[in-house]
Amino acid sequence: MAISRRELLGRGGLLAAFAAMPTSIFAAGETKVAASSSSLYTKERFEALKGSVFQVTSPNMKQSMTLVEVKDAPEPEAANTASFAVSAPKGAPAPTTTEFIVRFYGGTHQLAQGTYTFENEKTGAFSLFIVPSMKDKFFYTAVFNRIW
C-alpha cells in the first residue's frame, strides 16, 4: 500500500500531537505519581528506597517485592565515532549519561520479563520494565540508562 508524503506528514503530525498530551487525559482514575518522571528515576532516589517494599501489579495478580540492590552499571565500551553516518556538530557538548541497575526480590509467582506497575507510599505508582534472574528465583533486575 503506497502512502504519499503528504499523508505521512499529516499522520506524523497527529501522532506528535497525541504524544505531547499529558497522560492524565488518557489515564483518568489511575494513581497519581508522586514525583516527576525526571526525579523518580535517579540512582539517589532508588538508593534512598533500598529495603522498601513495593506492590507489583500485573494484569492478573498483585504481589510484594523488596528493593534489595542499587549499583552502577558497568562502563560501556567507547563508541567508534568514525563509523557514525553523521558527525556531531563542532563544539557540541558531549551527552550526559546516567547508568545504574536496581534489583528486587520477592513475590509468590515467578513473573515473566515485562512492564509492571510498581507502587510504594513514597513514590506512588510507576511503570517499570523488569527482567527475571536466570539463576536466582524471584530476583528481578531493571536497568536505567538516561541520556540527555
Foldseek 3Di string as FASTA:
>chain_A
DDDDPVRVVVVVVVVVVVVPDDCCVVDPPAKDWPDPPVVCPDLVNVVVQQQPKKWKDDPPDIWIKGWHDKAFDDDDDDDPQVPDPDHDDPPDDDKDKGKMKIKIADDDDFDAFAKIWIADPVTGIDIFTWHADPPDTRMIMGMDIDID
